[in-house]
Protein backbone atom coordinates (compact mmCIF):
# COMPACT_ATOMS: atom_id res chain seq x y z
CA UNK A 1 -20.33 -6.10 -24.00
CA UNK A 2 -18.66 -6.71 -20.61
CA UNK A 3 -15.30 -8.45 -20.56
CA UNK A 4 -15.32 -12.20 -20.15
CA UNK A 5 -14.25 -13.00 -16.60
CA UNK A 6 -12.06 -15.97 -15.81
CA UNK A 7 -12.81 -16.89 -12.20
CA UNK A 8 -10.16 -18.86 -10.34
CA UNK A 9 -11.37 -21.84 -8.32
CA UNK A 10 -11.11 -21.46 -4.56
CA UNK A 11 -8.84 -24.51 -4.30
CA UNK A 12 -6.15 -25.61 -6.74
CA UNK A 13 -4.26 -27.75 -4.28
CA UNK A 14 -4.68 -30.90 -6.39
CA UNK A 15 -2.66 -29.37 -9.22
CA UNK A 16 1.14 -29.36 -9.47
CA UNK A 17 2.59 -26.03 -8.36
CA UNK A 18 3.63 -25.04 -11.88
CA UNK A 19 0.02 -25.39 -13.02
CA UNK A 20 -1.24 -23.32 -10.08
CA UNK A 21 1.24 -20.60 -11.08
CA UNK A 22 -0.03 -20.68 -14.67
CA UNK A 23 -3.61 -20.29 -13.41
CA UNK A 24 -2.97 -17.22 -11.26
CA UNK A 25 -0.27 -15.41 -13.26
CA UNK A 26 -2.73 -13.34 -15.28
CA UNK A 27 -4.24 -11.87 -12.09
CA UNK A 28 -0.91 -10.15 -11.36
CA UNK A 29 -0.38 -6.66 -12.79
CA UNK A 30 2.58 -4.35 -13.15
CA UNK A 31 2.05 -0.92 -11.57
CA UNK A 32 3.92 1.93 -13.27
CA UNK A 33 3.96 5.36 -11.64
CA UNK A 34 5.18 8.83 -12.57
CA UNK A 35 5.85 11.70 -10.19
CA UNK A 36 6.47 15.35 -10.95
CA UNK A 37 9.19 17.06 -8.92
CA UNK A 38 9.73 20.81 -8.89
CA UNK A 39 12.97 22.43 -7.73
CA UNK A 40 13.06 26.16 -8.23
CA UNK A 41 12.27 26.72 -11.91
CA UNK A 42 13.12 23.20 -13.01
CA UNK A 43 10.60 20.38 -13.27
CA UNK A 44 11.57 16.73 -13.55
CA UNK A 45 9.58 13.52 -13.94
CA UNK A 46 10.59 10.40 -12.05
CA UNK A 47 9.15 6.96 -12.76
CA UNK A 48 8.89 3.75 -10.82
CA UNK A 49 7.62 0.20 -11.08
CA UNK A 50 5.79 -2.02 -8.62
CA UNK A 51 3.32 -4.87 -8.70
CA UNK A 52 -0.29 -5.53 -7.77
CA UNK A 53 -3.07 -8.08 -8.03
CA UNK A 54 -6.60 -7.95 -9.44
CA UNK A 55 -9.01 -9.09 -6.72
CA UNK A 56 -12.39 -8.12 -8.19
CA UNK A 57 -13.86 -8.33 -11.67
CA UNK A 58 -14.70 -4.63 -11.86
CA UNK A 59 -11.06 -3.53 -11.84
CA UNK A 60 -10.15 -3.40 -8.14
CA UNK A 61 -6.42 -3.89 -7.60
CA UNK A 62 -4.46 -4.25 -4.35
CA UNK A 63 -0.89 -2.96 -4.13
CA UNK A 64 1.47 -1.43 -1.56
CA UNK A 65 0.89 2.15 -0.43
CA UNK A 66 4.54 3.13 -0.88
CA UNK A 67 4.34 2.22 -4.58
CA UNK A 68 1.59 4.74 -5.39
CA UNK A 69 1.13 7.27 -2.59
CA UNK A 70 3.37 9.92 -4.17
CA UNK A 71 2.38 9.22 -7.76
CA UNK A 72 0.87 11.88 -10.00
CA UNK A 73 0.05 9.22 -12.61
CA UNK A 74 -0.67 5.49 -12.16
CA UNK A 75 -0.80 3.00 -15.01
CA UNK A 76 -1.65 -0.69 -14.79
CA UNK A 77 -0.15 -3.18 -17.25
CA UNK A 78 -1.80 -6.57 -17.65
CA UNK A 79 -0.03 -9.78 -18.57
CA UNK A 80 -0.90 -9.56 -22.29
CA UNK A 81 0.51 -6.02 -22.50
CA UNK A 82 -2.67 -3.90 -22.43
CA UNK A 83 -2.64 -0.92 -20.07
CA UNK A 84 -5.11 1.17 -18.11
CA UNK A 85 -5.03 4.35 -16.00
CA UNK A 86 -5.85 3.78 -12.33
CA UNK A 87 -6.81 5.92 -9.34
CA UNK A 88 -6.32 5.47 -5.61
CA UNK A 89 -9.59 4.70 -3.80
CA UNK A 90 -8.30 4.15 -0.28
CA UNK A 91 -4.78 3.95 1.14
CA UNK A 92 -3.06 3.20 4.44
CA UNK A 93 0.53 4.27 4.98
CA UNK A 94 0.40 2.59 8.39
CA UNK A 95 -0.34 -0.84 6.91
CA UNK A 96 1.39 -0.10 3.57
CA UNK A 97 -1.70 -0.98 1.53
CA UNK A 98 -3.56 0.74 -1.29
CA UNK A 99 -6.67 -0.11 -3.27
CA UNK A 100 -6.73 1.04 -6.89
CA UNK A 101 -9.56 1.20 -9.42
CA UNK A 102 -8.49 0.56 -13.01
CA UNK A 103 -10.49 2.22 -15.78
CA UNK A 104 -10.10 -0.66 -18.22
CA UNK A 105 -9.82 -4.42 -18.02
CA UNK A 106 -8.15 -6.89 -20.37
CA UNK A 107 -10.33 -8.97 -22.66
CA UNK A 108 -10.10 -11.98 -20.35
CA UNK A 109 -9.50 -10.69 -16.81
CA UNK A 110 -8.40 -13.22 -14.21
CA UNK A 111 -9.31 -12.46 -10.59
CA UNK A 112 -7.29 -13.85 -7.68
CA UNK A 113 -9.04 -15.12 -4.54
CA UNK A 114 -8.05 -13.58 -1.20
CA UNK A 115 -7.00 -16.40 1.13
CA UNK A 116 -6.82 -16.76 4.90
CA UNK A 117 -3.43 -15.65 6.21
CA UNK A 118 -4.48 -16.62 9.74
CA UNK A 119 -4.27 -20.26 8.64
CA UNK A 120 -0.58 -19.98 7.71
CA UNK A 121 2.08 -21.79 9.70
CA UNK A 122 5.89 -21.71 9.48
CA UNK A 123 7.14 -24.05 6.78
CA UNK A 124 4.12 -23.76 4.48
CA UNK A 125 5.09 -23.19 0.86
CA UNK A 126 4.48 -19.81 -0.80
CA UNK A 127 5.32 -18.20 -4.11
CA UNK A 128 5.40 -14.61 -5.31
CA UNK A 129 4.80 -13.14 -8.76
CA UNK A 130 5.95 -9.61 -9.53
CA UNK A 131 8.30 -7.36 -11.45
CA UNK A 132 11.67 -7.39 -9.64
CA UNK A 133 13.97 -4.87 -11.33
CA UNK A 134 11.31 -4.50 -14.02
CA UNK A 135 11.34 -8.20 -14.99
CA UNK A 136 7.57 -8.63 -15.11
CA UNK A 137 5.80 -11.84 -14.08
CA UNK A 138 8.87 -13.29 -12.38
CA UNK A 139 8.14 -16.15 -9.98
CA UNK A 140 10.04 -16.78 -6.73
CA UNK A 141 9.21 -19.44 -4.15
CA UNK A 142 9.90 -20.29 -0.53
CA UNK A 143 8.16 -20.86 2.77
CA UNK A 144 6.48 -19.02 5.62
CA UNK A 145 9.21 -18.06 8.09
CA UNK A 146 7.00 -16.52 10.78
CA UNK A 147 3.93 -14.39 11.46
CA UNK A 148 4.99 -11.40 13.51
CA UNK A 149 3.26 -8.69 15.53
CA UNK A 150 4.89 -5.29 16.05
CA UNK A 151 3.51 -3.48 19.08
CA UNK A 152 5.62 -0.34 18.59
CA UNK A 153 3.63 2.81 17.96
CA UNK A 154 4.15 4.61 14.68
CA UNK A 155 3.67 4.48 10.94
CA UNK A 156 4.42 0.82 10.23
CA UNK A 157 2.42 -2.41 9.86
CA UNK A 158 1.25 -4.04 13.09
CA UNK A 159 1.17 -7.57 11.59
CA UNK A 160 3.57 -8.93 8.99
CA UNK A 161 4.17 -12.21 7.22
CA UNK A 162 7.89 -13.09 7.21
CA UNK A 163 9.08 -15.30 4.37
CA UNK A 164 12.22 -16.38 2.56
CA UNK A 165 10.44 -15.91 -0.80
CA UNK A 166 12.77 -13.55 -2.66
CA UNK A 167 11.39 -9.99 -2.87
CA UNK A 168 13.31 -7.25 -4.64
CA UNK A 169 12.65 -3.74 -5.92
CA UNK A 170 9.66 -4.00 -8.24
CA UNK A 171 8.04 -6.83 -6.26
CA UNK A 172 6.51 -4.29 -3.87
CA UNK A 173 2.72 -4.49 -3.88
CA UNK A 174 2.70 -7.86 -5.60
CA UNK A 175 0.93 -10.95 -4.24
CA UNK A 176 2.26 -13.88 -2.28
CA UNK A 177 0.21 -16.99 -3.02
CA UNK A 178 -0.29 -20.20 -1.08
CA UNK A 179 -0.27 -23.61 -2.78
CA UNK A 180 -4.01 -23.27 -3.52
CA UNK A 181 -3.34 -20.15 -5.59
CA UNK A 182 -4.91 -17.80 -3.04
CA UNK A 183 -3.39 -14.42 -2.16
CA UNK A 184 -2.17 -14.58 1.45
CA UNK A 185 0.12 -11.53 1.48
CA UNK A 186 1.15 -8.34 -0.30
CA UNK A 187 4.92 -7.76 -0.65
CA UNK A 188 5.99 -4.77 1.45
CA UNK A 189 9.66 -4.58 2.52
CA UNK A 190 12.88 -6.50 3.15
CA UNK A 191 15.55 -6.53 5.83
CA UNK A 192 18.90 -6.39 4.05
CA UNK A 193 22.49 -5.27 4.48
CA UNK A 194 23.22 -5.51 0.77
CA UNK A 195 20.11 -3.84 -0.64
CA UNK A 196 18.99 -7.12 -2.19
CA UNK A 197 16.99 -10.02 -0.83
CA UNK A 198 18.75 -11.91 1.99
CA UNK A 199 15.87 -14.21 2.85
CA UNK A 200 14.33 -11.76 5.33
CA UNK A 201 11.31 -10.56 3.40
CA UNK A 202 8.01 -9.22 4.69
CA UNK A 203 4.45 -8.99 3.40
CA UNK A 204 1.18 -7.60 4.69
CA UNK A 205 -1.13 -10.54 5.56
CA UNK A 206 -4.32 -11.00 3.55
CA UNK A 207 -6.36 -10.68 6.77
CA UNK A 208 -5.15 -7.08 7.03
CA UNK A 209 -5.89 -6.50 3.33
CA UNK A 210 -9.47 -7.67 3.82
CA UNK A 211 -10.02 -5.69 7.04
CA UNK A 212 -8.37 -2.42 6.02
CA UNK A 213 -9.26 -2.11 2.34
CA UNK A 214 -12.62 -3.86 2.08
CA UNK A 215 -14.31 -4.14 5.48
CA UNK A 216 -13.36 -0.73 6.91
CA UNK A 217 -11.99 1.47 4.08
CA UNK A 218 -11.04 5.00 5.09
CA UNK A 219 -11.20 8.14 2.93
CA UNK A 220 -7.93 9.21 1.30
CA UNK A 221 -7.29 12.95 1.46
CA UNK A 222 -4.23 12.96 -0.83
CA UNK A 223 -1.18 13.20 1.42
CA UNK A 224 2.06 11.26 1.72
CA UNK A 225 3.31 11.26 5.30
CA UNK A 226 6.25 9.92 7.31
CA UNK A 227 6.17 9.09 11.01
CA UNK A 228 8.59 11.25 13.01
CA UNK A 229 9.83 9.71 16.24
CA UNK A 230 11.00 11.69 19.26
CA UNK A 231 14.62 10.82 18.41
CA UNK A 232 14.24 12.04 14.82
CA UNK A 233 12.57 15.24 16.05
CA UNK A 234 15.47 15.91 18.44
CA UNK A 235 17.98 15.56 15.59
CA UNK A 236 15.97 18.09 13.56
CA UNK A 237 15.51 20.36 16.59
CA UNK A 238 11.74 20.14 16.28
CA UNK A 239 9.87 20.83 19.56
CA UNK A 240 7.62 17.75 19.38
CA UNK A 241 7.37 14.34 21.02
CA UNK A 242 6.31 12.68 17.77
CA UNK A 243 4.36 13.56 14.66
CA UNK A 244 3.57 12.96 11.01
CA UNK A 245 5.66 14.86 8.49
CA UNK A 246 3.65 15.71 5.38
CA UNK A 247 6.06 15.13 2.49
CA UNK A 248 3.72 15.46 -0.50
CA UNK A 249 0.21 16.79 -1.05
CA UNK A 250 -1.75 15.74 -4.14
CA UNK A 251 -2.62 18.62 -6.46
CA UNK A 252 -6.24 19.71 -5.99
CA UNK A 253 -6.84 16.98 -3.43
CA UNK A 254 -8.88 17.45 -0.25
CA UNK A 255 -5.76 18.16 1.82
CA UNK A 256 -4.39 20.82 -0.53
CA UNK A 257 -7.76 22.55 -0.82
CA UNK A 258 -7.99 22.69 2.98
CA UNK A 259 -4.53 24.23 3.34
CA UNK A 260 -2.15 21.42 4.28
CA UNK A 261 1.34 21.78 2.78
CA UNK A 262 3.93 19.27 1.61
CA UNK A 263 7.69 19.65 1.57
CA UNK A 264 10.06 20.90 -1.12
CA UNK A 265 13.59 19.99 0.02
CA UNK A 266 14.99 16.46 -0.30
CA UNK A 267 17.48 15.44 2.39
CA UNK A 268 19.29 12.20 3.19
CA UNK A 269 18.81 11.41 6.88
CA UNK A 270 19.89 8.12 8.48
CA UNK A 271 20.00 6.47 5.05
CA UNK A 272 16.48 7.54 4.07
CA UNK A 273 15.42 10.24 1.62
CA UNK A 274 13.13 12.66 3.45
CA UNK A 275 11.22 15.60 1.94
CA UNK A 276 11.46 18.51 4.38
CA UNK A 277 9.52 21.76 4.63
CA UNK A 278 5.99 20.40 4.96
CA UNK A 279 3.55 20.64 7.83
CA UNK A 280 4.12 18.55 10.95
CA UNK A 281 0.91 16.90 12.14
CA UNK A 282 0.79 16.60 15.94
CA UNK A 283 -2.78 15.40 16.48
CA UNK A 284 -5.60 14.02 14.32
CA UNK A 285 -9.10 14.65 15.66
CA UNK A 286 -7.49 15.41 19.00
CA UNK A 287 -5.60 12.10 19.10
CA UNK A 288 -1.79 11.83 19.25
CA UNK A 289 -0.13 10.62 16.07
CA UNK A 290 1.49 7.72 17.93
CA UNK A 291 -1.90 6.06 18.35
CA UNK A 292 -2.61 4.89 14.77
CA UNK A 293 -5.31 2.44 15.90
CA UNK A 294 -7.33 5.13 17.72
CA UNK A 295 -6.98 7.50 14.78
CA UNK A 296 -8.24 4.79 12.44
CA UNK A 297 -11.31 4.21 14.61
CA UNK A 298 -11.97 7.95 14.76
CA UNK A 299 -11.79 8.30 10.97
CA UNK A 300 -13.98 5.23 10.44
CA UNK A 301 -16.70 6.81 12.59
CA UNK A 302 -16.92 9.99 10.48
CA UNK A 303 -20.00 10.64 8.39
CA UNK A 304 -20.48 12.59 5.12
CA UNK A 305 -20.29 16.29 5.93
CA UNK A 306 -17.86 15.80 8.83
CA UNK A 307 -14.31 17.16 8.82
CA UNK A 308 -10.97 15.73 9.88
CA UNK A 309 -9.16 18.07 12.28
CA UNK A 310 -5.38 18.30 12.04
CA UNK A 311 -3.31 20.16 14.65
CA UNK A 312 -0.07 21.03 12.85
CA UNK A 313 3.13 22.99 13.09
CA UNK A 314 3.68 25.12 9.99
CA UNK A 315 6.93 27.11 9.76
CA UNK A 316 7.22 26.94 13.54
CA UNK A 317 3.69 28.17 14.23
CA UNK A 318 0.79 26.06 15.48
CA UNK A 319 -2.45 25.97 13.53
CA UNK A 320 -5.52 23.80 13.08
CA UNK A 321 -6.63 22.67 9.63
CA UNK A 322 -10.10 21.24 9.02
CA UNK A 323 -10.24 18.92 6.01
CA UNK A 324 -13.80 18.22 4.82
CA UNK A 325 -14.34 14.50 4.53
CA UNK A 326 -13.98 13.40 0.90
CA UNK A 327 -16.60 11.13 -0.56
CA UNK A 328 -16.50 7.88 1.40
CA UNK A 329 -14.96 5.11 -0.68
CA UNK A 330 -17.38 2.55 -2.07
CA UNK A 331 -15.63 -0.77 -2.38
CA UNK A 332 -17.00 -4.17 -3.42
CA UNK A 333 -17.69 -7.05 -1.08
CA UNK A 334 -15.28 -9.94 -1.43
CA UNK A 335 -16.21 -13.60 -1.04
CA UNK A 336 -15.83 -14.93 2.48
CA UNK A 337 -12.66 -16.79 3.42
CA UNK A 338 -12.66 -20.09 1.59
CA UNK A 339 -13.20 -23.21 3.67
CA UNK A 340 -10.30 -25.64 3.64
CA UNK A 341 -11.04 -29.28 2.76
């Protein structure tokens, strides 16, 4: 017998905020990940915690890409404590978004509605639910600070929602809700001098979630990459203008089977931990790696049986790797943006 679904109403604005929070809390999940690291003959397992939100009754969960993209194992924990394995269906490092499919649902799953982030204005109230420092289902509240566009080329979101809603480690991938209880953002990163929240917190708008994960999902080949700027390349003495450094390749994924290689050596560079030794991608389907939008359009146009062509530097030598297109992701249709009264 299928699980009983608790559908959230499209508008809860008439309720006090504490009641709205009670209604949507069960749609929020804790995302636990494990990653295997090999160094010489030693193997270690590292674990991490993030957050996510159930957006469809068949087990579709949105989270942040950086929470899961290097994971060898992903486990979802629901509010009542039940757990389920989950797999990545589609992922965007550029927009820091991932769509997961959970194998199991709780007895009474609660699905959150995806709201309209384009309707947000500075000063509107928001709240987040997540697992900061592992404290699951913690609520923080604040307002919209700004909606920002970043026109720089590279591996970072082009549109972000800035808020003073406190976001800390463990909140990543969790939802930001408006006063109607609709998801309008997915927690991504903070700007901080202390390492903790300073009121400069950023989320991926729900409009990007809808467009990237549900309207135009791209195949995931199983790689974790980092954008390499010209300045970074000069420091490393790499003869490139820019590129994508492949840090990790999923075991038996499409990328590994085709011959792409991840790194093996961890290094601390400019305050960030970077995994060195992997392939450097210079062009994707003939397009420079600085043009993420053009690459996305090129990948979206591929058909079953096509291949993705990567021009890479491997151990100082240039080569081309053809990765056969994995099975195109099949994702559900979400309800249209709710009309505001």
